[in-house]
Amino acid sequence: MQLIACPWCGQREEAEFHYGGQAHVAYPEDPYALDDEQWAQYVFFRDNPKGPFAERWVHSAGCRRWFNAVRDTVTHEFLAVYEAGATPPSITSTAPAAQQRKGQEASR
């Protein structure tokens, strides 16, 4: 089982947490001005990158607080955990394939 580091409770088993979607998605300033297509874009369309991705998580079986995490979608490794509202850290992938690509790009 994977361990996730809650900013307030420390490391706990992943079964205590629930995924909350992509982090840092701003709520529309004037939601009533959006047409159906724009509202659908806000509600349903999210990024789906390969590599580091900022996500929202809640420690539902613990302190019940929301926080953000940067997780590598290739390796599922949590690269950073930080409080909601904080600036995300700049993180690069730790996946072996990503490291290999980086090395190849640097040698060009």
PDB file of N, CA and C in Angstrom:
ATOM      1  N   MET A   1       0.841  -1.173   0.000  1.00  0.00           N
ATOM      2  CA  MET A   1       0.000   0.000   0.000  1.00  0.00           C
ATOM      3  C   MET A   1       0.894   1.246   0.000  1.00  0.00           C
ATOM      4  N   GLN A   2       0.478   2.251  -0.727  1.00  0.00           N
ATOM      5  CA  GLN A   2       1.237   3.496  -0.833  1.00  0.00           C
ATOM      6  C   GLN A   2       0.967   4.401   0.364  1.00  0.00           C
ATOM      7  N   LEU A   3       1.997   5.111   0.801  1.00  0.00           N
ATOM      8  CA  LEU A   3       1.856   6.078   1.876  1.00  0.00           C
ATOM      9  C   LEU A   3       1.762   7.478   1.278  1.00  0.00           C
ATOM     10  N   ILE A   4       0.858   8.288   1.831  1.00  0.00           N
ATOM     11  CA  ILE A   4       0.693   9.676   1.412  1.00  0.00           C
ATOM     12  C   ILE A   4       0.964  10.540   2.636  1.00  0.00           C
ATOM     13  N   ALA A   5       1.748  11.592   2.447  1.00  0.00           N
ATOM     14  CA  ALA A   5       2.102  12.476   3.562  1.00  0.00           C
ATOM     15  C   ALA A   5       1.095  13.605   3.672  1.00  0.00           C
ATOM     16  N   CYS A   6       0.221  13.537   4.663  1.00  0.00           N
ATOM     17  CA  CYS A   6      -0.709  14.631   4.946  1.00  0.00           C
ATOM     18  C   CYS A   6       0.103  15.765   5.568  1.00  0.00           C
ATOM     19  N   PRO A   7      -0.083  17.020   5.130  1.00  0.00           N
ATOM     20  CA  PRO A   7       0.677  18.133   5.711  1.00  0.00           C
ATOM     21  C   PRO A   7       0.458  18.302   7.216  1.00  0.00           C
ATOM     22  N   TRP A   8      -0.658  17.806   7.743  1.00  0.00           N
ATOM     23  CA  TRP A   8      -0.972  17.991   9.162  1.00  0.00           C
ATOM     24  C   TRP A   8      -0.791  16.716   9.992  1.00  0.00           C
ATOM     25  N   CYS A   9      -1.017  15.556   9.401  1.00  0.00           N
ATOM     26  CA  CYS A   9      -1.003  14.297  10.156  1.00  0.00           C
ATOM     27  C   CYS A   9       0.230  13.436   9.890  1.00  0.00           C
ATOM     28  N   GLY A  10       1.002  13.772   8.870  1.00  0.00           N
ATOM     29  CA  GLY A  10       2.153  12.939   8.512  1.00  0.00           C
ATOM     30  C   GLY A  10       1.754  11.818   7.568  1.00  0.00           C
ATOM     31  N   GLN A  11       2.616  10.829   7.423  1.00  0.00           N
ATOM     32  CA  GLN A  11       2.372   9.747   6.468  1.00  0.00           C
ATOM     33  C   GLN A  11       1.289   8.801   6.964  1.00  0.00           C
ATOM     34  N   ARG A  12       0.361   8.515   6.045  1.00  0.00           N
ATOM     35  CA  ARG A  12      -0.732   7.589   6.333  1.00  0.00           C
ATOM     36  C   ARG A  12      -0.964   6.736   5.093  1.00  0.00           C
ATOM     37  N   GLU A  13      -1.690   5.632   5.250  1.00  0.00           N
ATOM     38  CA  GLU A  13      -1.998   4.750   4.126  1.00  0.00           C
ATOM     39  C   GLU A  13      -2.964   5.440   3.164  1.00  0.00           C
ATOM     40  N   GLU A  14      -2.812   5.120   1.891  1.00  0.00           N
ATOM     41  CA  GLU A  14      -3.620   5.773   0.859  1.00  0.00           C
ATOM     42  C   GLU A  14      -5.118   5.552   1.039  1.00  0.00           C
ATOM     43  N   ALA A  15      -5.534   4.505   1.725  1.00  0.00           N
ATOM     44  CA  ALA A  15      -6.961   4.234   1.928  1.00  0.00           C
ATOM     45  C   ALA A  15      -7.638   5.329   2.750  1.00  0.00           C
ATOM     46  N   GLU A  16      -6.860   6.143   3.463  1.00  0.00           N
ATOM     47  CA  GLU A  16      -7.415   7.229   4.272  1.00  0.00           C
ATOM     48  C   GLU A  16      -7.712   8.486   3.449  1.00  0.00           C
ATOM     49  N   PHE A  17      -7.323   8.507   2.187  1.00  0.00           N
ATOM     50  CA  PHE A  17      -7.413   9.707   1.359  1.00  0.00           C
ATOM     51  C   PHE A  17      -8.377   9.514   0.192  1.00  0.00           C
ATOM     52  N   HIS A  18      -8.872  10.627  -0.324  1.00  0.00           N
ATOM     53  CA  HIS A  18      -9.672  10.613  -1.541  1.00  0.00           C
ATOM     54  C   HIS A  18      -9.150  11.691  -2.487  1.00  0.00           C
ATOM     55  N   TYR A  19      -9.121  11.326  -3.752  1.00  0.00           N
ATOM     56  CA  TYR A  19      -8.680  12.213  -4.828  1.00  0.00           C
ATOM     57  C   TYR A  19      -9.743  13.263  -5.091  1.00  0.00           C
ATOM     58  N   GLY A  20      -9.326  14.507  -5.321  1.00  0.00           N
ATOM     59  CA  GLY A  20     -10.278  15.586  -5.543  1.00  0.00           C
ATOM     60  C   GLY A  20     -10.147  16.288  -6.878  1.00  0.00           C
ATOM     61  N   GLY A  21      -9.361  15.739  -7.794  1.00  0.00           N
ATOM     62  CA  GLY A  21      -9.239  16.349  -9.112  1.00  0.00           C
ATOM     63  C   GLY A  21      -8.016  17.234  -9.251  1.00  0.00           C
ATOM     64  N   GLN A  22      -7.948  17.904 -10.374  1.00  0.00           N
ATOM     65  CA  GLN A  22      -6.822  18.781 -10.697  1.00  0.00           C
ATOM     66  C   GLN A  22      -6.786  19.981  -9.763  1.00  0.00           C
ATOM     67  N   ALA A  23      -5.612  20.322  -9.291  1.00  0.00           N
ATOM     68  CA  ALA A  23      -5.447  21.488  -8.417  1.00  0.00           C
ATOM     69  C   ALA A  23      -5.304  22.759  -9.249  1.00  0.00           C
ATOM     70  N   HIS A  24      -5.537  23.866  -8.618  1.00  0.00           N
ATOM     71  CA  HIS A  24      -5.319  25.199  -9.190  1.00  0.00           C
ATOM     72  C   HIS A  24      -6.227  25.503 -10.379  1.00  0.00           C
ATOM     73  N   VAL A  25      -7.464  25.013 -10.332  1.00  0.00           N
ATOM     74  CA  VAL A  25      -8.452  25.345 -11.352  1.00  0.00           C
ATOM     75  C   VAL A  25      -9.313  26.467 -10.776  1.00  0.00           C
ATOM     76  N   ALA A  26      -9.206  27.627 -11.370  1.00  0.00           N
ATOM     77  CA  ALA A  26      -9.910  28.804 -10.844  1.00  0.00           C
ATOM     78  C   ALA A  26     -11.395  28.746 -11.189  1.00  0.00           C
ATOM     79  N   TYR A  27     -12.228  29.061 -10.203  1.00  0.00           N
ATOM     80  CA  TYR A  27     -13.667  29.154 -10.418  1.00  0.00           C
ATOM     81  C   TYR A  27     -13.933  30.369 -11.304  1.00  0.00           C
ATOM     82  N   PRO A  28     -14.856  30.273 -12.262  1.00  0.00           N
ATOM     83  CA  PRO A  28     -15.133  31.414 -13.140  1.00  0.00           C
ATOM     84  C   PRO A  28     -15.547  32.655 -12.348  1.00  0.00           C
ATOM     85  N   GLU A  29     -15.045  33.819 -12.767  1.00  0.00           N
ATOM     86  CA  GLU A  29     -15.369  35.070 -12.076  1.00  0.00           C
ATOM     87  C   GLU A  29     -16.855  35.380 -12.128  1.00  0.00           C
ATOM     88  N   ASP A  30     -17.470  35.150 -13.273  1.00  0.00           N
ATOM     89  CA  ASP A  30     -18.901  35.394 -13.423  1.00  0.00           C
ATOM     90  C   ASP A  30     -19.545  34.143 -14.033  1.00  0.00           C
ATOM     91  N   PRO A  31     -19.866  33.142 -13.220  1.00  0.00           N
ATOM     92  CA  PRO A  31     -20.389  31.882 -13.767  1.00  0.00           C
ATOM     93  C   PRO A  31     -21.708  32.046 -14.514  1.00  0.00           C
ATOM     94  N   TYR A  32     -22.482  33.063 -14.167  1.00  0.00           N
ATOM     95  CA  TYR A  32     -23.765  33.277 -14.838  1.00  0.00           C
ATOM     96  C   TYR A  32     -23.596  33.799 -16.265  1.00  0.00           C
ATOM     97  N   ALA A  33     -22.418  34.313 -16.575  1.00  0.00           N
ATOM     98  CA  ALA A  33     -22.153  34.825 -17.920  1.00  0.00           C
ATOM     99  C   ALA A  33     -21.703  33.717 -18.876  1.00  0.00           C
ATOM    100  N   LEU A  34     -21.420  32.536 -18.355  1.00  0.00           N
ATOM    101  CA  LEU A  34     -20.943  31.444 -19.204  1.00  0.00           C
ATOM    102  C   LEU A  34     -22.094  30.785 -19.949  1.00  0.00           C
ATOM    103  N   ASP A  35     -21.840  30.446 -21.204  1.00  0.00           N
ATOM    104  CA  ASP A  35     -22.843  29.664 -21.929  1.00  0.00           C
ATOM    105  C   ASP A  35     -22.621  28.184 -21.594  1.00  0.00           C
ATOM    106  N   ASP A  36     -23.452  27.317 -22.106  1.00  0.00           N
ATOM    107  CA  ASP A  36     -23.375  25.893 -21.769  1.00  0.00           C
ATOM    108  C   ASP A  36     -22.029  25.270 -22.140  1.00  0.00           C
ATOM    109  N   GLU A  37     -21.496  25.656 -23.291  1.00  0.00           N
ATOM    110  CA  GLU A  37     -20.216  25.086 -23.730  1.00  0.00           C
ATOM    111  C   GLU A  37     -19.075  25.529 -22.808  1.00  0.00           C
ATOM    112  N   GLN A  38     -19.063  26.802 -22.434  1.00  0.00           N
ATOM    113  CA  GLN A  38     -18.019  27.301 -21.537  1.00  0.00           C
ATOM    114  C   GLN A  38     -18.130  26.657 -20.156  1.00  0.00           C
ATOM    115  N   TRP A  39     -19.360  26.476 -19.681  1.00  0.00           N
ATOM    116  CA  TRP A  39     -19.554  25.840 -18.376  1.00  0.00           C
ATOM    117  C   TRP A  39     -19.093  24.383 -18.421  1.00  0.00           C
ATOM    118  N   ALA A  40     -19.404  23.681 -19.507  1.00  0.00           N
ATOM    119  CA  ALA A  40     -18.962  22.293 -19.673  1.00  0.00           C
ATOM    120  C   ALA A  40     -17.430  22.219 -19.703  1.00  0.00           C
ATOM    121  N   GLN A  41     -16.783  23.182 -20.355  1.00  0.00           N
ATOM    122  CA  GLN A  41     -15.314  23.219 -20.369  1.00  0.00           C
ATOM    123  C   GLN A  41     -14.769  23.330 -18.945  1.00  0.00           C
ATOM    124  N   TYR A  42     -15.387  24.193 -18.135  1.00  0.00           N
ATOM    125  CA  TYR A  42     -14.924  24.376 -16.757  1.00  0.00           C
ATOM    126  C   TYR A  42     -15.157  23.105 -15.918  1.00  0.00           C
ATOM    127  N   VAL A  43     -16.332  22.511 -16.043  1.00  0.00           N
ATOM    128  CA  VAL A  43     -16.699  21.381 -15.184  1.00  0.00           C
ATOM    129  C   VAL A  43     -16.007  20.085 -15.580  1.00  0.00           C
ATOM    130  N   PHE A  44     -15.925  19.780 -16.871  1.00  0.00           N
ATOM    131  CA  PHE A  44     -15.514  18.448 -17.306  1.00  0.00           C
ATOM    132  C   PHE A  44     -14.112  18.333 -17.896  1.00  0.00           C
ATOM    133  N   PHE A  45     -13.547  19.406 -18.408  1.00  0.00           N
ATOM    134  CA  PHE A  45     -12.271  19.293 -19.114  1.00  0.00           C
ATOM    135  C   PHE A  45     -11.115  19.617 -18.180  1.00  0.00           C
ATOM    136  N   ARG A  46     -10.210  18.665 -18.027  1.00  0.00           N
ATOM    137  CA  ARG A  46      -9.037  18.830 -17.177  1.00  0.00           C
ATOM    138  C   ARG A  46      -7.802  18.341 -17.929  1.00  0.00           C
ATOM    139  N   ASP A  47      -6.649  18.793 -17.480  1.00  0.00           N
ATOM    140  CA  ASP A  47      -5.397  18.347 -18.072  1.00  0.00           C
ATOM    141  C   ASP A  47      -5.188  16.871 -17.734  1.00  0.00           C
ATOM    142  N   ASN A  48      -4.421  16.194 -18.567  1.00  0.00           N
ATOM    143  CA  ASN A  48      -4.118  14.785 -18.336  1.00  0.00           C
ATOM    144  C   ASN A  48      -2.677  14.530 -18.779  1.00  0.00           C
ATOM    145  N   PRO A  49      -1.707  15.144 -18.094  1.00  0.00           N
ATOM    146  CA  PRO A  49      -0.323  15.030 -18.539  1.00  0.00           C
ATOM    147  C   PRO A  49       0.321  13.711 -18.134  1.00  0.00           C
ATOM    148  N   LYS A  50       1.389  13.403 -18.817  1.00  0.00           N
ATOM    149  CA  LYS A  50       2.221  12.266 -18.459  1.00  0.00           C
ATOM    150  C   LYS A  50       3.401  12.838 -17.691  1.00  0.00           C
ATOM    151  N   GLY A  51       3.459  12.574 -16.391  1.00  0.00           N
ATOM    152  CA  GLY A  51       4.515  13.132 -15.553  1.00  0.00           C
ATOM    153  C   GLY A  51       3.928  13.875 -14.375  1.00  0.00           C
ATOM    154  N   PRO A  52       4.646  14.862 -13.841  1.00  0.00           N
ATOM    155  CA  PRO A  52       4.181  15.583 -12.652  1.00  0.00           C
ATOM    156  C   PRO A  52       2.864  16.320 -12.909  1.00  0.00           C
ATOM    157  N   PHE A  53       1.955  16.211 -11.942  1.00  0.00           N
ATOM    158  CA  PHE A  53       0.623  16.786 -12.083  1.00  0.00           C
ATOM    159  C   PHE A  53       0.135  17.247 -10.717  1.00  0.00           C
ATOM    160  N   ALA A  54      -0.322  18.491 -10.611  1.00  0.00           N
ATOM    161  CA  ALA A  54      -0.832  19.036  -9.344  1.00  0.00           C
ATOM    162  C   ALA A  54      -2.274  18.578  -9.142  1.00  0.00           C
ATOM    163  N   GLU A  55      -2.517  17.952  -7.989  1.00  0.00           N
ATOM    164  CA  GLU A  55      -3.826  17.384  -7.690  1.00  0.00           C
ATOM    165  C   GLU A  55      -4.317  17.851  -6.321  1.00  0.00           C
ATOM    166  N   ARG A  56      -5.629  17.752  -6.112  1.00  0.00           N
ATOM    167  CA  ARG A  56      -6.229  18.028  -4.802  1.00  0.00           C
ATOM    168  C   ARG A  56      -6.529  16.692  -4.135  1.00  0.00           C
ATOM    169  N   TRP A  57      -6.267  16.618  -2.841  1.00  0.00           N
ATOM    170  CA  TRP A  57      -6.548  15.421  -2.057  1.00  0.00           C
ATOM    171  C   TRP A  57      -7.180  15.835  -0.743  1.00  0.00           C
ATOM    172  N   VAL A  58      -7.979  14.952  -0.153  1.00  0.00           N
ATOM    173  CA  VAL A  58      -8.553  15.193   1.163  1.00  0.00           C
ATOM    174  C   VAL A  58      -8.217  13.998   2.051  1.00  0.00           C
ATOM    175  N   HIS A  59      -7.820  14.288   3.279  1.00  0.00           N
ATOM    176  CA  HIS A  59      -7.532  13.233   4.252  1.00  0.00           C
ATOM    177  C   HIS A  59      -8.850  12.885   4.936  1.00  0.00           C
ATOM    178  N   SER A  60      -9.691  12.139   4.242  1.00  0.00           N
ATOM    179  CA  SER A  60     -11.070  11.898   4.662  1.00  0.00           C
ATOM    180  C   SER A  60     -11.190  11.025   5.908  1.00  0.00           C
ATOM    181  N   ALA A  61     -10.242  10.156   6.168  1.00  0.00           N
ATOM    182  CA  ALA A  61     -10.307   9.293   7.352  1.00  0.00           C
ATOM    183  C   ALA A  61      -9.390   9.809   8.455  1.00  0.00           C
ATOM    184  N   GLY A  62      -8.918  11.024   8.306  1.00  0.00           N
ATOM    185  CA  GLY A  62      -8.033  11.618   9.306  1.00  0.00           C
ATOM    186  C   GLY A  62      -8.529  12.989   9.700  1.00  0.00           C
ATOM    187  N   CYS A  63      -7.744  13.996   9.382  1.00  0.00           N
ATOM    188  CA  CYS A  63      -8.069  15.377   9.788  1.00  0.00           C
ATOM    189  C   CYS A  63      -9.151  16.019   8.929  1.00  0.00           C
ATOM    190  N   ARG A  64      -9.510  15.378   7.811  1.00  0.00           N
ATOM    191  CA  ARG A  64     -10.547  15.856   6.880  1.00  0.00           C
ATOM    192  C   ARG A  64     -10.192  17.187   6.228  1.00  0.00           C
ATOM    193  N   ARG A  65      -8.941  17.464   6.112  1.00  0.00           N
ATOM    194  CA  ARG A  65      -8.510  18.723   5.486  1.00  0.00           C
ATOM    195  C   ARG A  65      -8.054  18.464   4.060  1.00  0.00           C
ATOM    196  N   TRP A  66      -8.288  19.462   3.210  1.00  0.00           N
ATOM    197  CA  TRP A  66      -7.857  19.401   1.813  1.00  0.00           C
ATOM    198  C   TRP A  66      -6.432  19.899   1.709  1.00  0.00           C
ATOM    199  N   PHE A  67      -5.688  19.330   0.768  1.00  0.00           N
ATOM    200  CA  PHE A  67      -4.328  19.772   0.473  1.00  0.00           C
ATOM    201  C   PHE A  67      -4.034  19.481  -0.987  1.00  0.00           C
ATOM    202  N   ASN A  68      -2.942  20.012  -1.473  1.00  0.00           N
ATOM    203  CA  ASN A  68      -2.504  19.766  -2.851  1.00  0.00           C
ATOM    204  C   ASN A  68      -1.287  18.874  -2.834  1.00  0.00           C
ATOM    205  N   ALA A  69      -1.112  18.151  -3.912  1.00  0.00           N
ATOM    206  CA  ALA A  69       0.052  17.283  -4.055  1.00  0.00           C
ATOM    207  C   ALA A  69       0.477  17.292  -5.512  1.00  0.00           C
ATOM    208  N   VAL A  70       1.765  17.140  -5.737  1.00  0.00           N
ATOM    209  CA  VAL A  70       2.276  16.925  -7.088  1.00  0.00           C
ATOM    210  C   VAL A  70       2.599  15.444  -7.157  1.00  0.00           C
ATOM    211  N   ARG A  71       1.935  14.757  -8.081  1.00  0.00           N
ATOM    212  CA  ARG A  71       2.109  13.314  -8.228  1.00  0.00           C
ATOM    213  C   ARG A  71       2.541  13.017  -9.650  1.00  0.00           C
ATOM    214  N   ASP A  72       3.490  12.116  -9.800  1.00  0.00           N
ATOM    215  CA  ASP A  72       3.934  11.693 -11.122  1.00  0.00           C
ATOM    216  C   ASP A  72       2.937  10.673 -11.638  1.00  0.00           C
ATOM    217  N   THR A  73       2.264  10.980 -12.736  1.00  0.00           N
ATOM    218  CA  THR A  73       1.230  10.089 -13.266  1.00  0.00           C
ATOM    219  C   THR A  73       1.810   8.848 -13.934  1.00  0.00           C
ATOM    220  N   VAL A  74       3.111   8.817 -14.145  1.00  0.00           N
ATOM    221  CA  VAL A  74       3.753   7.630 -14.721  1.00  0.00           C
ATOM    222  C   VAL A  74       4.079   6.627 -13.622  1.00  0.00           C
ATOM    223  N   THR A  75       4.686   7.108 -12.542  1.00  0.00           N
ATOM    224  CA  THR A  75       5.136   6.225 -11.463  1.00  0.00           C
ATOM    225  C   THR A  75       4.182   6.200 -10.276  1.00  0.00           C
ATOM    226  N   HIS A  76       3.211   7.113 -10.234  1.00  0.00           N
ATOM    227  CA  HIS A  76       2.261   7.292  -9.129  1.00  0.00           C
ATOM    228  C   HIS A  76       2.943   7.769  -7.853  1.00  0.00           C
ATOM    229  N   GLU A  77       4.180   8.186  -7.939  1.00  0.00           N
ATOM    230  CA  GLU A  77       4.930   8.670  -6.784  1.00  0.00           C
ATOM    231  C   GLU A  77       4.500  10.097  -6.441  1.00  0.00           C
ATOM    232  N   PHE A  78       4.301  10.355  -5.148  1.00  0.00           N
ATOM    233  CA  PHE A  78       4.008  11.706  -4.686  1.00  0.00           C
ATOM    234  C   PHE A  78       5.329  12.453  -4.574  1.00  0.00           C
ATOM    235  N   LEU A  79       5.485  13.516  -5.351  1.00  0.00           N
ATOM    236  CA  LEU A  79       6.739  14.261  -5.399  1.00  0.00           C
ATOM    237  C   LEU A  79       6.762  15.410  -4.411  1.00  0.00           C
ATOM    238  N   ALA A  80       5.589  15.959  -4.092  1.00  0.00           N
ATOM    239  CA  ALA A  80       5.499  17.064  -3.137  1.00  0.00           C
ATOM    240  C   ALA A  80       4.077  17.132  -2.602  1.00  0.00           C
ATOM    241  N   VAL A  81       3.949  17.594  -1.375  1.00  0.00           N
ATOM    242  CA  VAL A  81       2.649  17.809  -0.738  1.00  0.00           C
ATOM    243  C   VAL A  81       2.696  19.194  -0.122  1.00  0.00           C
ATOM    244  N   TYR A  82       1.631  19.984  -0.332  1.00  0.00           N
ATOM    245  CA  TYR A  82       1.620  21.349   0.191  1.00  0.00           C
ATOM    246  C   TYR A  82       0.187  21.783   0.484  1.00  0.00           C
ATOM    247  N   GLU A  83       0.039  22.759   1.339  1.00  0.00           N
ATOM    248  CA  GLU A  83      -1.283  23.223   1.751  1.00  0.00           C
ATOM    249  C   GLU A  83      -2.033  23.870   0.585  1.00  0.00           C
ATOM    250  N   ALA A  84      -3.348  23.726   0.594  1.00  0.00           N
ATOM    251  CA  ALA A  84      -4.186  24.360  -0.424  1.00  0.00           C
ATOM    252  C   ALA A  84      -3.992  25.869  -0.343  1.00  0.00           C
ATOM    253  N   GLY A  85      -3.898  26.505  -1.481  1.00  0.00           N
ATOM    254  CA  GLY A  85      -3.685  27.945  -1.525  1.00  0.00           C
ATOM    255  C   GLY A  85      -2.230  28.330  -1.647  1.00  0.00           C
ATOM    256  N   ALA A  86      -1.327  27.412  -1.375  1.00  0.00           N
ATOM    257  CA  ALA A  86       0.104  27.687  -1.490  1.00  0.00           C
ATOM    258  C   ALA A  86       0.539  27.559  -2.949  1.00  0.00           C
ATOM    259  N   THR A  87       1.644  28.189  -3.268  1.00  0.00           N
ATOM    260  CA  THR A  87       2.195  28.098  -4.617  1.00  0.00           C
ATOM    261  C   THR A  87       2.789  26.709  -4.831  1.00  0.00           C
ATOM    262  N   PRO A  88       2.477  26.070  -5.961  1.00  0.00           N
ATOM    263  CA  PRO A  88       3.023  24.731  -6.197  1.00  0.00           C
ATOM    264  C   PRO A  88       4.535  24.779  -6.409  1.00  0.00           C
ATOM    265  N   PRO A  89       5.251  23.791  -5.887  1.00  0.00           N
ATOM    266  CA  PRO A  89       6.696  23.740  -6.107  1.00  0.00           C
ATOM    267  C   PRO A  89       6.990  23.345  -7.546  1.00  0.00           C
ATOM    268  N   SER A  90       8.137  23.760  -8.055  1.00  0.00           N
ATOM    269  CA  SER A  90       8.512  23.331  -9.409  1.00  0.00           C
ATOM    270  C   SER A  90       9.189  21.970  -9.282  1.00  0.00           C
ATOM    271  N   ILE A  91       8.586  20.989  -9.904  1.00  0.00           N
ATOM    272  CA  ILE A  91       9.029  19.599  -9.805  1.00  0.00           C
ATOM    273  C   ILE A  91       9.157  19.042 -11.214  1.00  0.00           C
ATOM    274  N   THR A  92      10.165  18.238 -11.423  1.00  0.00           N
ATOM    275  CA  THR A  92      10.290  17.515 -12.683  1.00  0.00           C
ATOM    276  C   THR A  92      10.090  16.035 -12.416  1.00  0.00           C
ATOM    277  N   SER A  93       9.809  15.292 -13.433  1.00  0.00           N
ATOM    278  CA  SER A  93       9.496  13.882 -13.295  1.00  0.00           C
ATOM    279  C   SER A  93      10.683  13.086 -12.779  1.00  0.00           C
ATOM    280  N   THR A  94      10.372  12.053 -11.992  1.00  0.00           N
ATOM    281  CA  THR A  94      11.400  11.131 -11.518  1.00  0.00           C
ATOM    282  C   THR A  94      11.282   9.794 -12.223  1.00  0.00           C
ATOM    283  N   ALA A  95      10.361   9.707 -13.175  1.00  0.00           N
ATOM    284  CA  ALA A  95      10.169   8.454 -13.899  1.00  0.00           C
ATOM    285  C   ALA A  95      11.423   8.117 -14.692  1.00  0.00           C
ATOM    286  N   PRO A  96      11.847   6.845 -14.704  1.00  0.00           N
ATOM    287  CA  PRO A  96      13.064   6.460 -15.431  1.00  0.00           C
ATOM    288  C   PRO A  96      13.051   6.878 -16.902  1.00  0.00           C
ATOM    289  N   ALA A  97      11.897   6.731 -17.562  1.00  0.00           N
ATOM    290  CA  ALA A  97      11.818   7.102 -18.977  1.00  0.00           C
ATOM    291  C   ALA A  97      12.004   8.607 -19.156  1.00  0.00           C
ATOM    292  N   ALA A  98      11.449   9.392 -18.248  1.00  0.00           N
ATOM    293  CA  ALA A  98      11.593  10.847 -18.332  1.00  0.00           C
ATOM    294  C   ALA A  98      13.043  11.249 -18.092  1.00  0.00           C
ATOM    295  N   GLN A  99      13.704  10.619 -17.142  1.00  0.00           N
ATOM    296  CA  GLN A  99      15.108  10.916 -16.869  1.00  0.00           C
ATOM    297  C   GLN A  99      15.968  10.557 -18.084  1.00  0.00           C
ATOM    298  N   GLN A 100      15.641   9.440 -18.718  1.00  0.00           N
ATOM    299  CA  GLN A 100      16.395   9.007 -19.900  1.00  0.00           C
ATOM    300  C   GLN A 100      16.197  10.006 -21.040  1.00  0.00           C
ATOM    301  N   ARG A 101      14.953  10.480 -21.258  1.00  0.00           N
ATOM    302  CA  ARG A 101      14.690  11.466 -22.314  1.00  0.00           C
ATOM    303  C   ARG A 101      15.450  12.754 -22.029  1.00  0.00           C
ATOM    304  N   LYS A 102      15.481  13.163 -20.765  1.00  0.00           N
ATOM    305  CA  LYS A 102      16.178  14.383 -20.379  1.00  0.00           C
ATOM    306  C   LYS A 102      17.664  14.279 -20.731  1.00  0.00           C
ATOM    307  N   GLY A 103      18.248  13.129 -20.437  1.00  0.00           N
ATOM    308  CA  GLY A 103      19.657  12.902 -20.735  1.00  0.00           C
ATOM    309  C   GLY A 103      19.928  12.925 -22.241  1.00  0.00           C
ATOM    310  N   GLN A 104      19.026  12.375 -23.020  1.00  0.00           N
ATOM    311  CA  GLN A 104      19.163  12.383 -24.466  1.00  0.00           C
ATOM    312  C   GLN A 104      19.059  13.792 -25.034  1.00  0.00           C
ATOM    313  N   GLU A 105      18.134  14.587 -24.478  1.00  0.00           N
ATOM    314  CA  GLU A 105      17.964  15.962 -24.939  1.00  0.00           C
ATOM    315  C   GLU A 105      19.177  16.807 -24.592  1.00  0.00           C
ATOM    316  N   ALA A 106      19.768  16.565 -23.455  1.00  0.00           N
ATOM    317  CA  ALA A 106      20.934  17.334 -23.020  1.00  0.00           C
ATOM    318  C   ALA A 106      22.168  17.027 -23.875  1.00  0.00           C
ATOM    319  N   SER A 107      22.236  15.806 -24.405  1.00  0.00           N
ATOM    320  CA  SER A 107      23.408  15.424 -25.191  1.00  0.00           C
ATOM    321  C   SER A 107      23.332  15.910 -26.640  1.00  0.00           C
ATOM    322  N   ARG A 108      22.203  16.448 -27.030  1.00  0.00           N
ATOM    323  CA  ARG A 108      22.051  16.929 -28.425  1.00  0.00           C
ATOM    324  C   ARG A 108      22.716  18.243 -28.647  1.00  0.00           C
TER     325      ARG A 108
END
